[in-house]
């Protein structure tokens, strides 16, 4: 298991292990006020699509979680090695402390190292642009999602250029 950066004395980011799963489910249900995201996580794992899954842990408590899963993205005649960032959650009482930002940065650091070309997110348009995500970059991509919450990040310069494109989400996304 690879351990990422420390946020404070007892807070670390590390890879998810199976014994974290119950806490991750509860965390997502609490953070999003429902079960869609925790079911999404379970379905993506079952379909074998999870590429990066990290937790932020304070002592022994899981206080943050991020999942990046493989995603079918095509631009022109090329198929890109792409990921979907979904979901990312932080324990409601711990939000605003930099935990989510640290999870996103660490996940993006790892996907860059692994050679992925692009990441797509449907998320808060006031939050994700700080990491380089852009709604303008995603606009040429046909998708079930649109608007300012549908954003893309190129990890390989020019990966999303070259004509009309499309994003096909796996069935786990509903």
C-alpha atoms as a PDB file:
ATOM      1  CA  UNK A   1       0.000   0.000   0.000  1.00  0.00           C
ATOM      2  CA  UNK A   2       1.264   3.444  -0.929  1.00  0.00           C
ATOM      3  CA  UNK A   3       0.730   6.203   1.601  1.00  0.00           C
ATOM      4  CA  UNK A   4       0.395   9.743   0.312  1.00  0.00           C
ATOM      5  CA  UNK A   5       0.924  13.071   2.020  1.00  0.00           C
ATOM      6  CA  UNK A   6       0.109  13.901   5.630  1.00  0.00           C
ATOM      7  CA  UNK A   7      -2.404  16.709   6.145  1.00  0.00           C
ATOM      8  CA  UNK A   8      -1.889  17.046   9.900  1.00  0.00           C
ATOM      9  CA  UNK A   9      -0.283  14.983  12.646  1.00  0.00           C
ATOM     10  CA  UNK A  10      -2.652  12.001  12.355  1.00  0.00           C
ATOM     11  CA  UNK A  11      -4.257  12.555   8.925  1.00  0.00           C
ATOM     12  CA  UNK A  12      -2.877  10.596   5.978  1.00  0.00           C
ATOM     13  CA  UNK A  13      -4.032   9.771   2.477  1.00  0.00           C
ATOM     14  CA  UNK A  14      -3.628   6.158   1.488  1.00  0.00           C
ATOM     15  CA  UNK A  15      -5.033   3.562  -0.880  1.00  0.00           C
ATOM     16  CA  UNK A  16      -8.379   2.096   0.045  1.00  0.00           C
ATOM     17  CA  UNK A  17      -8.331  -1.386   1.566  1.00  0.00           C
ATOM     18  CA  UNK A  18     -11.382  -3.677   1.730  1.00  0.00           C
ATOM     19  CA  UNK A  19     -11.797  -3.159   5.474  1.00  0.00           C
ATOM     20  CA  UNK A  20     -12.484   0.540   4.700  1.00  0.00           C
ATOM     21  CA  UNK A  21     -15.594  -0.261   2.654  1.00  0.00           C
ATOM     22  CA  UNK A  22     -18.214   0.001   5.415  1.00  0.00           C
ATOM     23  CA  UNK A  23     -16.815   3.374   6.529  1.00  0.00           C
ATOM     24  CA  UNK A  24     -16.634   4.582   2.900  1.00  0.00           C
ATOM     25  CA  UNK A  25     -20.308   3.671   2.366  1.00  0.00           C
ATOM     26  CA  UNK A  26     -21.347   5.527   5.516  1.00  0.00           C
ATOM     27  CA  UNK A  27     -19.148   8.514   4.604  1.00  0.00           C
ATOM     28  CA  UNK A  28     -20.671   8.841   1.117  1.00  0.00           C
ATOM     29  CA  UNK A  29     -24.225   8.446   2.462  1.00  0.00           C
ATOM     30  CA  UNK A  30     -23.599  11.160   5.081  1.00  0.00           C
ATOM     31  CA  UNK A  31     -21.770  13.532   2.726  1.00  0.00           C
ATOM     32  CA  UNK A  32     -24.330  13.301  -0.086  1.00  0.00           C
ATOM     33  CA  UNK A  33     -27.479  12.747   2.000  1.00  0.00           C
ATOM     34  CA  UNK A  34     -28.453   9.553   0.192  1.00  0.00           C
ATOM     35  CA  UNK A  35     -27.245   6.229  -1.134  1.00  0.00           C
ATOM     36  CA  UNK A  36     -26.617   6.948  -4.859  1.00  0.00           C
ATOM     37  CA  UNK A  37     -22.883   7.627  -4.469  1.00  0.00           C
ATOM     38  CA  UNK A  38     -22.188   4.682  -2.149  1.00  0.00           C
ATOM     39  CA  UNK A  39     -24.035   2.376  -4.566  1.00  0.00           C
ATOM     40  CA  UNK A  40     -22.051   3.886  -7.450  1.00  0.00           C
ATOM     41  CA  UNK A  41     -18.804   3.020  -5.644  1.00  0.00           C
ATOM     42  CA  UNK A  42     -19.964  -0.565  -5.061  1.00  0.00           C
ATOM     43  CA  UNK A  43     -21.102  -0.967  -8.674  1.00  0.00           C
ATOM     44  CA  UNK A  44     -17.877   0.447 -10.132  1.00  0.00           C
ATOM     45  CA  UNK A  45     -15.845  -1.948  -8.000  1.00  0.00           C
ATOM     46  CA  UNK A  46     -18.052  -4.888  -9.030  1.00  0.00           C
ATOM     47  CA  UNK A  47     -17.634  -3.977 -12.712  1.00  0.00           C
ATOM     48  CA  UNK A  48     -13.848  -3.846 -12.232  1.00  0.00           C
ATOM     49  CA  UNK A  49     -13.666  -0.190 -13.276  1.00  0.00           C
ATOM     50  CA  UNK A  50     -11.990   1.312 -10.208  1.00  0.00           C
ATOM     51  CA  UNK A  51      -8.572   2.672 -11.200  1.00  0.00           C
ATOM     52  CA  UNK A  52      -7.642   4.883  -8.239  1.00  0.00           C
ATOM     53  CA  UNK A  53      -9.345   4.749  -4.872  1.00  0.00           C
ATOM     54  CA  UNK A  54      -7.942   6.674  -1.928  1.00  0.00           C
ATOM     55  CA  UNK A  55      -9.063   7.480   1.596  1.00  0.00           C
ATOM     56  CA  UNK A  56      -8.095  10.203   4.004  1.00  0.00           C
ATOM     57  CA  UNK A  57      -7.725   8.773   7.484  1.00  0.00           C
ATOM     58  CA  UNK A  58      -7.533  10.566  10.821  1.00  0.00           C
ATOM     59  CA  UNK A  59      -6.063   8.004  13.186  1.00  0.00           C
ATOM     60  CA  UNK A  60      -8.281   5.047  12.303  1.00  0.00           C
ATOM     61  CA  UNK A  61     -11.315   7.025  11.055  1.00  0.00           C
ATOM     62  CA  UNK A  62     -12.005   7.344   7.320  1.00  0.00           C
ATOM     63  CA  UNK A  63     -12.858  11.036   6.867  1.00  0.00           C
ATOM     64  CA  UNK A  64     -12.482  11.389   3.094  1.00  0.00           C
ATOM     65  CA  UNK A  65     -12.713   9.249  -0.036  1.00  0.00           C
ATOM     66  CA  UNK A  66     -12.110   9.611  -3.767  1.00  0.00           C
ATOM     67  CA  UNK A  67     -12.683   7.169  -6.606  1.00  0.00           C
ATOM     68  CA  UNK A  68     -11.511   7.431 -10.197  1.00  0.00           C
ATOM     69  CA  UNK A  69     -12.838   4.841 -12.622  1.00  0.00           C
ATOM     70  CA  UNK A  70     -12.092   4.015 -16.231  1.00  0.00           C
ATOM     71  CA  UNK A  71     -14.238   5.894 -18.729  1.00  0.00           C
ATOM     72  CA  UNK A  72     -14.832   5.517 -22.475  1.00  0.00           C
ATOM     73  CA  UNK A  73     -13.840   8.850 -24.062  1.00  0.00           C
ATOM     74  CA  UNK A  74     -13.378   9.226 -27.814  1.00  0.00           C
ATOM     75  CA  UNK A  75     -12.257  12.308 -29.711  1.00  0.00           C
ATOM     76  CA  UNK A  76     -12.346  12.135 -33.482  1.00  0.00           C
ATOM     77  CA  UNK A  77     -11.082   8.666 -34.344  1.00  0.00           C
ATOM     78  CA  UNK A  78      -9.012   8.146 -31.201  1.00  0.00           C
ATOM     79  CA  UNK A  79      -9.936   6.438 -27.947  1.00  0.00           C
ATOM     80  CA  UNK A  80      -8.395   8.120 -24.902  1.00  0.00           C
ATOM     81  CA  UNK A  81      -7.133   6.501 -21.700  1.00  0.00           C
ATOM     82  CA  UNK A  82      -9.553   8.410 -19.484  1.00  0.00           C
ATOM     83  CA  UNK A  83     -11.042   8.376 -16.030  1.00  0.00           C
ATOM     84  CA  UNK A  84     -14.178   9.639 -14.326  1.00  0.00           C
ATOM     85  CA  UNK A  85     -13.706  11.342 -10.971  1.00  0.00           C
ATOM     86  CA  UNK A  86     -16.731  10.265  -8.954  1.00  0.00           C
ATOM     87  CA  UNK A  87     -17.436  10.377  -6.157  1.00  0.00           C
ATOM     88  CA  UNK A  88     -15.279  12.443  -3.858  1.00  0.00           C
ATOM     89  CA  UNK A  89     -16.545  12.947  -0.337  1.00  0.00           C
ATOM     90  CA  UNK A  90     -15.466  14.356   2.993  1.00  0.00           C
ATOM     91  CA  UNK A  91     -17.119  13.812   6.354  1.00  0.00           C
ATOM     92  CA  UNK A  92     -19.610  16.699   6.754  1.00  0.00           C
ATOM     93  CA  UNK A  93     -18.032  17.972   9.986  1.00  0.00           C
ATOM     94  CA  UNK A  94     -14.576  17.996   8.380  1.00  0.00           C
ATOM     95  CA  UNK A  95     -15.400  19.825   5.139  1.00  0.00           C
ATOM     96  CA  UNK A  96     -13.576  23.080   4.439  1.00  0.00           C
ATOM     97  CA  UNK A  97     -10.324  21.836   6.008  1.00  0.00           C
ATOM     98  CA  UNK A  98      -8.492  20.976   2.779  1.00  0.00           C
ATOM     99  CA  UNK A  99      -9.139  17.229   2.987  1.00  0.00           C
ATOM    100  CA  UNK A 100     -11.038  17.048  -0.320  1.00  0.00           C
ATOM    101  CA  UNK A 101      -8.464  19.190  -2.113  1.00  0.00           C
ATOM    102  CA  UNK A 102      -5.660  16.972  -0.839  1.00  0.00           C
ATOM    103  CA  UNK A 103      -7.509  13.860  -2.057  1.00  0.00           C
ATOM    104  CA  UNK A 104      -8.023  15.353  -5.533  1.00  0.00           C
ATOM    105  CA  UNK A 105      -4.392  16.488  -5.791  1.00  0.00           C
ATOM    106  CA  UNK A 106      -3.040  13.122  -4.690  1.00  0.00           C
ATOM    107  CA  UNK A 107      -5.344  11.201  -7.047  1.00  0.00           C
ATOM    108  CA  UNK A 108      -4.343  13.453  -9.954  1.00  0.00           C
ATOM    109  CA  UNK A 109      -0.660  13.023  -9.088  1.00  0.00           C
ATOM    110  CA  UNK A 110      -1.082   9.257  -9.248  1.00  0.00           C
ATOM    111  CA  UNK A 111      -3.052   9.218 -12.504  1.00  0.00           C
ATOM    112  CA  UNK A 112      -0.422  11.415 -14.155  1.00  0.00           C
ATOM    113  CA  UNK A 113       2.262   8.955 -13.059  1.00  0.00           C
ATOM    114  CA  UNK A 114       0.225   6.102 -14.528  1.00  0.00           C
ATOM    115  CA  UNK A 115      -0.061   7.780 -17.940  1.00  0.00           C
ATOM    116  CA  UNK A 116      -3.787   8.522 -18.137  1.00  0.00           C
ATOM    117  CA  UNK A 117      -4.688  11.155 -20.750  1.00  0.00           C
ATOM    118  CA  UNK A 118      -7.812  12.854 -19.362  1.00  0.00           C
ATOM    119  CA  UNK A 119     -10.160  13.006 -16.389  1.00  0.00           C
ATOM    120  CA  UNK A 120     -13.857  13.913 -16.568  1.00  0.00           C
ATOM    121  CA  UNK A 121     -15.917  15.132 -13.608  1.00  0.00           C
ATOM    122  CA  UNK A 122     -19.493  16.195 -13.029  1.00  0.00           C
ATOM    123  CA  UNK A 123     -19.097  18.390 -10.002  1.00  0.00           C
ATOM    124  CA  UNK A 124     -19.336  21.800  -8.431  1.00  0.00           C
ATOM    125  CA  UNK A 125     -18.207  24.427 -10.982  1.00  0.00           C
ATOM    126  CA  UNK A 126     -16.826  26.583  -8.167  1.00  0.00           C
ATOM    127  CA  UNK A 127     -14.622  23.789  -6.816  1.00  0.00           C
ATOM    128  CA  UNK A 128     -13.019  21.687  -9.552  1.00  0.00           C
ATOM    129  CA  UNK A 129     -11.522  24.437 -11.761  1.00  0.00           C
ATOM    130  CA  UNK A 130      -8.859  25.037  -9.057  1.00  0.00           C
ATOM    131  CA  UNK A 131      -7.385  21.675 -10.129  1.00  0.00           C
ATOM    132  CA  UNK A 132      -7.442  22.554 -13.841  1.00  0.00           C
ATOM    133  CA  UNK A 133     -10.859  21.146 -14.765  1.00  0.00           C
ATOM    134  CA  UNK A 134     -12.660  23.136 -17.446  1.00  0.00           C
ATOM    135  CA  UNK A 135     -16.273  23.160 -18.638  1.00  0.00           C
ATOM    136  CA  UNK A 136     -15.109  24.735 -21.920  1.00  0.00           C
ATOM    137  CA  UNK A 137     -12.790  21.781 -22.553  1.00  0.00           C
ATOM    138  CA  UNK A 138     -15.681  19.348 -22.002  1.00  0.00           C
ATOM    139  CA  UNK A 139     -18.238  21.140 -24.219  1.00  0.00           C
ATOM    140  CA  UNK A 140     -17.219  19.390 -27.487  1.00  0.00           C
ATOM    141  CA  UNK A 141     -17.840  16.000 -25.808  1.00  0.00           C
ATOM    142  CA  UNK A 142     -21.301  14.507 -26.329  1.00  0.00           C
ATOM    143  CA  UNK A 143     -22.432  13.123 -22.992  1.00  0.00           C
ATOM    144  CA  UNK A 144     -25.545  12.595 -20.871  1.00  0.00           C
ATOM    145  CA  UNK A 145     -24.236  15.580 -18.882  1.00  0.00           C
ATOM    146  CA  UNK A 146     -23.704  19.178 -19.947  1.00  0.00           C
ATOM    147  CA  UNK A 147     -23.370  22.674 -18.558  1.00  0.00           C
ATOM    148  CA  UNK A 148     -20.796  24.160 -16.241  1.00  0.00           C
ATOM    149  CA  UNK A 149     -20.780  21.121 -13.916  1.00  0.00           C
ATOM    150  CA  UNK A 150     -19.524  18.851 -16.740  1.00  0.00           C
ATOM    151  CA  UNK A 151     -15.752  19.412 -16.821  1.00  0.00           C
ATOM    152  CA  UNK A 152     -12.624  17.871 -18.287  1.00  0.00           C
ATOM    153  CA  UNK A 153      -8.936  17.944 -17.471  1.00  0.00           C
ATOM    154  CA  UNK A 154      -6.258  17.071 -20.015  1.00  0.00           C
ATOM    155  CA  UNK A 155      -3.337  15.190 -18.519  1.00  0.00           C
ATOM    156  CA  UNK A 156      -1.705  14.852 -21.940  1.00  0.00           C
ATOM    157  CA  UNK A 157      -1.532  18.144 -23.825  1.00  0.00           C
ATOM    158  CA  UNK A 158      -3.954  18.146 -26.752  1.00  0.00           C
ATOM    159  CA  UNK A 159      -5.605  14.837 -25.798  1.00  0.00           C
ATOM    160  CA  UNK A 160      -9.112  16.300 -26.025  1.00  0.00           C
ATOM    161  CA  UNK A 161      -8.492  18.170 -29.254  1.00  0.00           C
ATOM    162  CA  UNK A 162      -9.079  16.799 -32.721  1.00  0.00           C
ATOM    163  CA  UNK A 163     -12.765  17.033 -33.466  1.00  0.00           C
ATOM    164  CA  UNK A 164     -16.082  16.097 -31.957  1.00  0.00           C
ATOM    165  CA  UNK A 165     -15.963  13.657 -29.100  1.00  0.00           C
ATOM    166  CA  UNK A 166     -18.164  11.618 -26.842  1.00  0.00           C
ATOM    167  CA  UNK A 167     -18.159  10.179 -23.357  1.00  0.00           C
ATOM    168  CA  UNK A 168     -19.879   6.864 -22.700  1.00  0.00           C
ATOM    169  CA  UNK A 169     -20.491   6.258 -19.012  1.00  0.00           C
ATOM    170  CA  UNK A 170     -20.628   2.673 -17.715  1.00  0.00           C
ATOM    171  CA  UNK A 171     -23.970   1.298 -16.548  1.00  0.00           C
ATOM    172  CA  UNK A 172     -22.966   1.878 -12.914  1.00  0.00           C
ATOM    173  CA  UNK A 173     -23.652   5.587 -13.428  1.00  0.00           C
ATOM    174  CA  UNK A 174     -27.317   4.813 -14.215  1.00  0.00           C
END
